[in-house]
Amino acid sequence: MPDAIVAEGLVKRYGRLTALDGLDLTVPEGTVTALLGPNGAGKTTTVRVLTTLLVPDEGHATVAGIDVMRNPQALRSRIGASGQYAAVDEYLTGFENLEMVGRLYHLGTARAKERARELLDRFRLTDAADRPVKGYSGGMRRRLDLAGALVANPPVLFLDEPTTGLDPRARLDLWDVIDELVAGGTTLLLTTQYMDEADRLADSIAVIDRGKVIARGTADELKTLVGGDRIELTVASNDELTSAREILASVADGEIHVEQGLRRITVPVSDGSTDLVTAIGKLTAHKIGVNDVALRRPSLDDVFLTLTGHEAEELVNGAAALDKKGTDR
């Protein structure tokens, strides 16, 4: 599968601040890649470089086969972008906003109007099409902004934290729209701080910190990187904690963690479901009362906090190996 986005060694400095520090990234055609990272990590700067809004100090990038730095004008007709804040004119109607974008793309009067109506229907804004945008809700504005990014039907789309500030229902609606776009062949680069969003939408995730990609892989690969499965259980009484811990040591693949006040024991294991069955069998045989038990995997929150926590530098070498694997695929 060819790559729709390729960035190699991107560097961007603002005086003494280095926003991008040799960033490398690839996004295969027809897939979703999510950029995760703390505030100031370089996510938005990356998007601005790839959408021709910023010129990097060093490095090279192509999008849709077009050199970002050498031919920005040609690239702009091949991409769509939606930023963190809806870029719409609130004094125009929803229809007028989209028609104006169509005219800017030189679609012609008739086609611009036709495309505006198509997108208003697709984004469930038909009933509000002829109302001024200043009366729209936040979710409606975000959908209109995304519709504007799609007027020219671009093959590559950039979304910079598209669901920031939206209520849960509006977020789910926008996720559905993104699913439809990708199913139709659109390539998407998405920045987000919501772990559930990346888990739900992304084929691949790149974790950015200090202007570099420090980890790359699928959600499952990244979760495995910071640790395997763990059994979490609550015993019936504090008196049983010590015995339960001794029994569970036979299935543990690492240090067992005990929370005395909650009567909770967390056991890292190497073979999740098999070890869970074994653990329950051993506890039952020793008549240890168990109120609650679950097998859990690390979440993307765990990945984010571990990989971007600067006290966890020992993980970066393992992350770099995963990043190479993601690049080679």
Protein backbone atom coordinates (compact mmCIF):
# COMPACT_ATOMS: atom_id res chain seq x y z
CA MET A 1 0.00 0.00 0.00
CA PRO A 2 1.60 3.33 -1.05
CA ASP A 3 2.00 6.14 1.48
CA ALA A 4 -0.24 9.19 1.14
CA ILE A 5 1.84 11.17 3.66
CA VAL A 6 5.60 10.97 4.12
CA ALA A 7 7.56 13.24 6.46
CA GLU A 8 11.30 12.86 6.89
CA GLY A 9 13.44 14.73 9.39
CA LEU A 10 11.11 17.69 9.89
CA VAL A 11 12.58 20.44 12.04
CA LYS A 12 10.79 23.63 13.04
CA ARG A 13 12.24 26.20 15.40
CA TYR A 14 10.76 29.32 16.95
CA GLY A 15 13.80 31.17 18.21
CA ARG A 16 15.27 29.01 20.97
CA LEU A 17 12.23 26.70 21.03
CA THR A 18 12.37 23.58 18.86
CA ALA A 19 8.81 22.53 18.02
CA LEU A 20 9.80 19.71 15.65
CA ASP A 21 13.10 17.92 16.17
CA GLY A 22 13.67 15.57 13.24
CA LEU A 23 10.14 14.18 13.03
CA ASP A 24 9.55 11.17 10.74
CA LEU A 25 6.07 9.95 9.84
CA THR A 26 4.29 7.89 7.18
CA VAL A 27 0.56 7.38 6.60
CA PRO A 28 -0.56 4.69 4.11
CA GLU A 29 -3.34 5.54 1.65
CA GLY A 30 -6.88 4.92 2.85
CA THR A 31 -5.95 4.64 6.53
CA VAL A 32 -6.27 6.70 9.71
CA THR A 33 -3.17 7.63 11.70
CA ALA A 34 -3.64 9.39 15.04
CA LEU A 35 -1.00 11.66 16.52
CA LEU A 36 -0.98 11.52 20.31
CA GLY A 37 1.10 13.67 22.60
CA PRO A 38 0.99 16.19 25.44
CA ASN A 39 0.40 19.88 24.83
CA GLY A 40 3.40 21.39 23.08
CA ALA A 41 4.62 18.05 21.76
CA GLY A 42 4.48 19.18 18.12
CA LYS A 43 1.19 17.74 16.87
CA THR A 44 -0.33 20.94 15.53
CA THR A 45 3.01 22.12 14.13
CA THR A 46 3.25 18.85 12.20
CA VAL A 47 -0.19 19.38 10.69
CA ARG A 48 0.59 22.99 9.78
CA VAL A 49 3.77 21.97 7.97
CA LEU A 50 2.01 19.18 6.06
CA THR A 51 -0.83 21.51 5.05
CA THR A 52 1.59 24.21 3.78
CA LEU A 53 0.76 26.69 6.55
CA LEU A 54 4.30 26.55 7.92
CA VAL A 55 7.64 26.07 6.18
CA PRO A 56 10.00 23.75 8.09
CA ASP A 57 13.59 24.75 8.78
CA GLU A 58 14.81 21.31 7.76
CA GLY A 59 13.41 18.08 6.37
CA HIS A 60 11.24 16.92 3.51
CA ALA A 61 7.58 15.96 3.13
CA THR A 62 5.19 14.78 0.44
CA VAL A 63 1.41 14.56 0.61
CA ALA A 64 -0.62 12.82 -2.10
CA GLY A 65 2.63 12.50 -4.03
CA ILE A 66 3.23 16.28 -4.07
CA ASP A 67 6.25 17.91 -2.49
CA VAL A 68 4.94 20.09 0.34
CA MET A 69 7.67 22.72 0.15
CA ARG A 70 8.26 22.84 -3.61
CA ASN A 71 4.67 22.83 -4.84
CA PRO A 72 2.36 24.08 -2.07
CA GLN A 73 -0.19 25.59 -4.46
CA ALA A 74 -0.79 22.29 -6.24
CA LEU A 75 -1.06 20.48 -2.91
CA ARG A 76 -3.76 22.75 -1.52
CA SER A 77 -6.27 21.49 -4.10
CA ARG A 78 -5.59 17.89 -2.99
CA ILE A 79 -6.08 18.21 0.75
CA GLY A 80 -8.72 19.23 3.27
CA ALA A 81 -8.08 20.49 6.78
CA SER A 82 -10.11 21.24 9.88
CA GLY A 83 -8.48 22.92 12.87
CA GLN A 84 -9.20 22.94 16.58
CA TYR A 85 -11.72 25.74 16.18
CA ALA A 86 -14.45 25.84 13.55
CA ALA A 87 -13.35 28.22 10.78
CA VAL A 88 -16.79 29.37 9.67
CA ASP A 89 -18.35 32.79 9.12
CA GLU A 90 -21.10 33.03 11.71
CA TYR A 91 -22.90 35.81 9.84
CA LEU A 92 -23.42 33.63 6.77
CA THR A 93 -25.78 30.68 6.62
CA GLY A 94 -24.45 27.13 6.55
CA PHE A 95 -25.24 26.95 2.84
CA GLU A 96 -23.50 30.25 2.12
CA ASN A 97 -20.38 29.12 3.97
CA LEU A 98 -20.05 25.97 1.89
CA GLU A 99 -20.96 27.69 -1.37
CA MET A 100 -18.25 30.27 -0.71
CA VAL A 101 -15.66 27.51 -0.19
CA GLY A 102 -16.76 25.89 -3.45
CA ARG A 103 -16.25 29.16 -5.32
CA LEU A 104 -12.78 29.53 -3.78
CA TYR A 105 -11.97 26.08 -5.18
CA HIS A 106 -13.20 27.29 -8.59
CA LEU A 107 -15.99 24.72 -8.79
CA GLY A 108 -18.23 27.16 -10.65
CA THR A 109 -21.50 28.64 -9.41
CA ALA A 110 -23.79 25.72 -10.18
CA ARG A 111 -21.42 23.03 -8.89
CA ALA A 112 -20.58 25.02 -5.75
CA LYS A 113 -24.27 25.24 -4.86
CA GLU A 114 -24.85 21.57 -5.65
CA ARG A 115 -21.85 20.47 -3.56
CA ALA A 116 -22.97 22.64 -0.65
CA ARG A 117 -26.40 20.95 -0.59
CA GLU A 118 -24.80 17.49 -0.85
CA LEU A 119 -22.59 18.12 2.16
CA LEU A 120 -25.31 19.74 4.25
CA ASP A 121 -27.37 16.61 3.74
CA ARG A 122 -24.43 14.30 4.49
CA PHE A 123 -23.67 16.08 7.75
CA ARG A 124 -27.34 16.25 8.79
CA LEU A 125 -27.46 20.06 8.57
CA THR A 126 -30.21 20.39 5.96
CA ASP A 127 -32.76 21.80 8.41
CA ALA A 128 -30.29 24.49 9.50
CA ALA A 129 -28.83 25.15 6.03
CA ASP A 130 -30.40 28.57 5.58
CA ARG A 131 -29.93 29.83 9.12
CA PRO A 132 -27.00 32.05 10.17
CA VAL A 133 -24.21 29.99 11.71
CA LYS A 134 -24.15 32.20 14.82
CA GLY A 135 -27.23 30.25 15.95
CA TYR A 136 -25.56 26.84 15.52
CA SER A 137 -24.49 24.66 18.43
CA GLY A 138 -20.84 23.75 18.88
CA GLY A 139 -21.39 20.33 17.36
CA MET A 140 -23.16 21.79 14.33
CA ARG A 141 -20.31 24.25 13.77
CA ARG A 142 -17.76 21.44 13.91
CA ARG A 143 -19.74 19.41 11.35
CA LEU A 144 -20.02 22.45 9.08
CA ASP A 145 -16.28 23.08 9.38
CA LEU A 146 -15.53 19.47 8.44
CA ALA A 147 -17.97 19.73 5.53
CA GLY A 148 -16.02 22.76 4.33
CA ALA A 149 -12.82 20.69 4.35
CA LEU A 150 -14.53 18.18 2.04
CA VAL A 151 -15.95 20.55 -0.58
CA ALA A 152 -13.25 19.66 -3.11
CA ASN A 153 -13.49 15.94 -2.22
CA PRO A 154 -9.80 15.75 -1.22
CA PRO A 155 -8.01 12.39 -1.06
CA VAL A 156 -6.10 13.43 2.09
CA LEU A 157 -7.71 15.02 5.15
CA PHE A 158 -6.10 16.58 8.23
CA LEU A 159 -8.13 16.96 11.42
CA ASP A 160 -6.51 18.79 14.33
CA GLU A 161 -8.34 17.82 17.54
CA PRO A 162 -11.71 17.81 15.75
CA THR A 163 -13.88 16.87 18.74
CA THR A 164 -12.44 19.27 21.31
CA GLY A 165 -15.29 20.79 23.31
CA LEU A 166 -18.01 18.58 21.83
CA ASP A 167 -20.55 16.74 23.94
CA PRO A 168 -20.52 12.90 23.81
CA ARG A 169 -23.36 12.70 21.26
CA ALA A 170 -21.69 15.16 18.91
CA ARG A 171 -18.38 13.28 19.21
CA LEU A 172 -20.06 10.00 18.24
CA ASP A 173 -21.73 11.69 15.26
CA LEU A 174 -18.40 13.03 14.04
CA TRP A 175 -16.78 9.62 14.48
CA ASP A 176 -19.46 8.12 12.24
CA VAL A 177 -18.72 10.70 9.56
CA ILE A 178 -15.00 9.92 9.76
CA ASP A 179 -15.75 6.20 9.39
CA GLU A 180 -17.70 6.92 6.19
CA LEU A 181 -14.90 9.04 4.76
CA VAL A 182 -12.24 6.41 5.36
CA ALA A 183 -14.50 3.66 3.99
CA GLY A 184 -14.67 5.74 0.82
CA GLY A 185 -10.87 5.78 0.48
CA THR A 186 -9.93 9.04 2.23
CA THR A 187 -6.58 9.12 4.04
CA LEU A 188 -6.78 10.80 7.43
CA LEU A 189 -4.19 12.26 9.79
CA LEU A 190 -5.83 13.02 13.10
CA THR A 191 -4.43 14.78 16.16
CA THR A 192 -6.19 14.16 19.43
CA GLN A 193 -5.73 14.12 23.19
CA TYR A 194 -8.61 11.70 23.66
CA MET A 195 -7.33 8.16 24.08
CA ASP A 196 -10.73 6.60 23.33
CA GLU A 197 -10.87 8.56 20.08
CA ALA A 198 -7.53 7.23 18.89
CA ASP A 199 -8.46 3.70 19.98
CA ARG A 200 -11.78 3.91 18.13
CA LEU A 201 -10.67 5.55 14.87
CA ALA A 202 -7.01 4.89 14.18
CA ASP A 203 -5.41 2.09 12.19
CA SER A 204 -2.06 3.29 13.49
CA ILE A 205 -0.98 5.59 16.31
CA ALA A 206 2.14 7.74 16.52
CA VAL A 207 3.09 9.09 19.93
CA ILE A 208 4.87 12.46 19.70
CA ASP A 209 6.91 14.05 22.45
CA ARG A 210 9.41 16.92 22.26
CA GLY A 211 8.97 17.18 18.51
CA LYS A 212 9.76 13.53 17.72
CA VAL A 213 7.77 10.37 17.12
CA ILE A 214 8.82 8.18 20.05
CA ALA A 215 6.47 5.25 19.38
CA ARG A 216 4.45 3.95 16.46
CA GLY A 217 2.11 0.99 16.07
CA THR A 218 -1.44 -0.21 16.39
CA ALA A 219 -3.30 0.39 19.64
CA ASP A 220 -2.72 -3.24 20.65
CA GLU A 221 1.01 -3.04 19.88
CA LEU A 222 1.43 0.08 21.97
CA LYS A 223 -0.53 -1.40 24.85
CA THR A 224 1.71 -4.47 24.78
CA LEU A 225 4.76 -2.21 24.84
CA VAL A 226 3.91 -0.85 28.29
CA GLY A 227 2.88 -4.18 29.77
CA GLY A 228 0.78 -7.25 29.19
CA ASP A 229 -2.48 -8.43 30.70
CA ARG A 230 -3.21 -8.17 34.39
CA ILE A 231 -5.69 -9.84 36.68
CA GLU A 232 -7.47 -7.49 39.06
CA LEU A 233 -9.50 -9.01 41.87
CA THR A 234 -11.06 -8.02 45.17
CA VAL A 235 -11.09 -10.52 48.02
CA ALA A 236 -13.93 -10.79 50.50
CA SER A 237 -11.95 -9.73 53.57
CA ASN A 238 -8.64 -8.17 54.57
CA ASP A 239 -7.73 -11.36 56.41
CA GLU A 240 -7.51 -13.16 53.07
CA LEU A 241 -5.17 -10.69 51.34
CA THR A 242 -1.91 -12.31 52.45
CA SER A 243 -3.02 -15.84 51.56
CA ALA A 244 -4.43 -14.72 48.21
CA ARG A 245 -1.18 -12.97 47.32
CA GLU A 246 0.89 -16.06 48.12
CA ILE A 247 -1.41 -18.25 46.02
CA LEU A 248 -1.37 -15.86 43.05
CA ALA A 249 2.43 -15.68 43.02
CA SER A 250 2.46 -18.92 41.01
CA VAL A 251 0.76 -17.24 38.02
CA ALA A 252 2.35 -13.80 38.34
CA ASP A 253 4.67 -12.50 35.63
CA GLY A 254 6.02 -9.57 37.60
CA GLU A 255 5.41 -7.71 40.82
CA ILE A 256 2.03 -8.18 42.51
CA HIS A 257 0.39 -4.97 43.73
CA VAL A 258 -1.87 -4.99 46.80
CA GLU A 259 -4.23 -2.17 47.81
CA GLN A 260 -5.03 -2.93 51.45
CA GLY A 261 -7.94 -0.55 51.95
CA LEU A 262 -9.75 -1.71 48.80
CA ARG A 263 -8.85 -5.39 49.34
CA ARG A 264 -7.67 -5.34 45.72
CA ILE A 265 -4.84 -7.37 44.21
CA THR A 266 -3.36 -6.70 40.77
CA VAL A 267 -1.35 -9.50 39.19
CA PRO A 268 0.60 -9.11 35.92
CA VAL A 269 0.32 -12.27 33.80
CA SER A 270 1.79 -13.53 30.54
CA ASP A 271 -1.09 -15.67 29.26
CA GLY A 272 -4.21 -13.71 30.15
CA SER A 273 -7.24 -15.99 29.87
CA THR A 274 -5.38 -19.18 30.80
CA ASP A 275 -3.79 -17.56 33.84
CA LEU A 276 -7.14 -16.13 34.90
CA VAL A 277 -8.74 -19.59 34.90
CA THR A 278 -5.78 -21.00 36.82
CA ALA A 279 -5.88 -18.21 39.39
CA ILE A 280 -9.61 -18.58 40.04
CA GLY A 281 -9.18 -22.35 40.40
CA LYS A 282 -6.38 -21.99 42.94
CA LEU A 283 -8.28 -19.39 45.00
CA THR A 284 -11.43 -21.53 44.99
CA ALA A 285 -9.47 -24.59 46.07
CA HIS A 286 -8.11 -22.65 49.05
CA LYS A 287 -11.57 -21.26 49.87
CA ILE A 288 -10.53 -17.64 49.30
CA GLY A 289 -13.60 -15.45 48.84
CA VAL A 290 -13.53 -13.28 45.71
CA ASN A 291 -16.03 -10.43 45.33
CA ASP A 292 -14.90 -9.23 41.91
CA VAL A 293 -12.39 -10.33 39.27
CA ALA A 294 -11.44 -9.06 35.81
CA LEU A 295 -8.76 -9.48 33.18
CA ARG A 296 -7.53 -6.11 31.95
CA ARG A 297 -5.17 -4.83 29.28
CA PRO A 298 -3.28 -1.54 29.49
CA SER A 299 -5.29 1.34 28.08
CA LEU A 300 -4.04 4.02 25.69
CA ASP A 301 -4.07 6.30 28.72
CA ASP A 302 -1.41 4.03 30.22
CA VAL A 303 0.55 4.21 26.96
CA PHE A 304 0.30 7.99 26.80
CA LEU A 305 1.31 8.57 30.41
CA THR A 306 4.13 6.04 30.34
CA LEU A 307 5.72 6.98 27.03
CA THR A 308 5.46 10.75 27.49
CA GLY A 309 6.49 10.63 31.15
CA HIS A 310 10.11 11.72 31.03
CA GLU A 311 10.98 9.51 33.95
CA ALA A 312 10.31 6.52 31.69
CA GLU A 313 13.19 7.03 29.26
CA GLU A 314 14.08 3.33 29.38
CA LEU A 315 10.99 2.60 27.28
CA VAL A 316 12.08 4.76 24.38
CA ASN A 317 14.42 2.14 22.90
CA GLY A 318 11.57 -0.38 22.81
CA ALA A 319 9.29 2.29 21.39
CA ALA A 320 11.79 3.06 18.66
CA ALA A 321 11.78 -0.59 17.61
CA LEU A 322 7.99 -0.50 17.34
CA ASP A 323 8.19 2.73 15.36
CA LYS A 324 10.52 1.07 12.84
CA LYS A 325 8.17 -1.86 12.56
CA GLY A 326 5.25 0.52 11.87
CA THR A 327 7.29 2.35 9.24
CA ASP A 328 8.31 -0.87 7.48
CA ARG A 329 4.75 -2.16 7.15
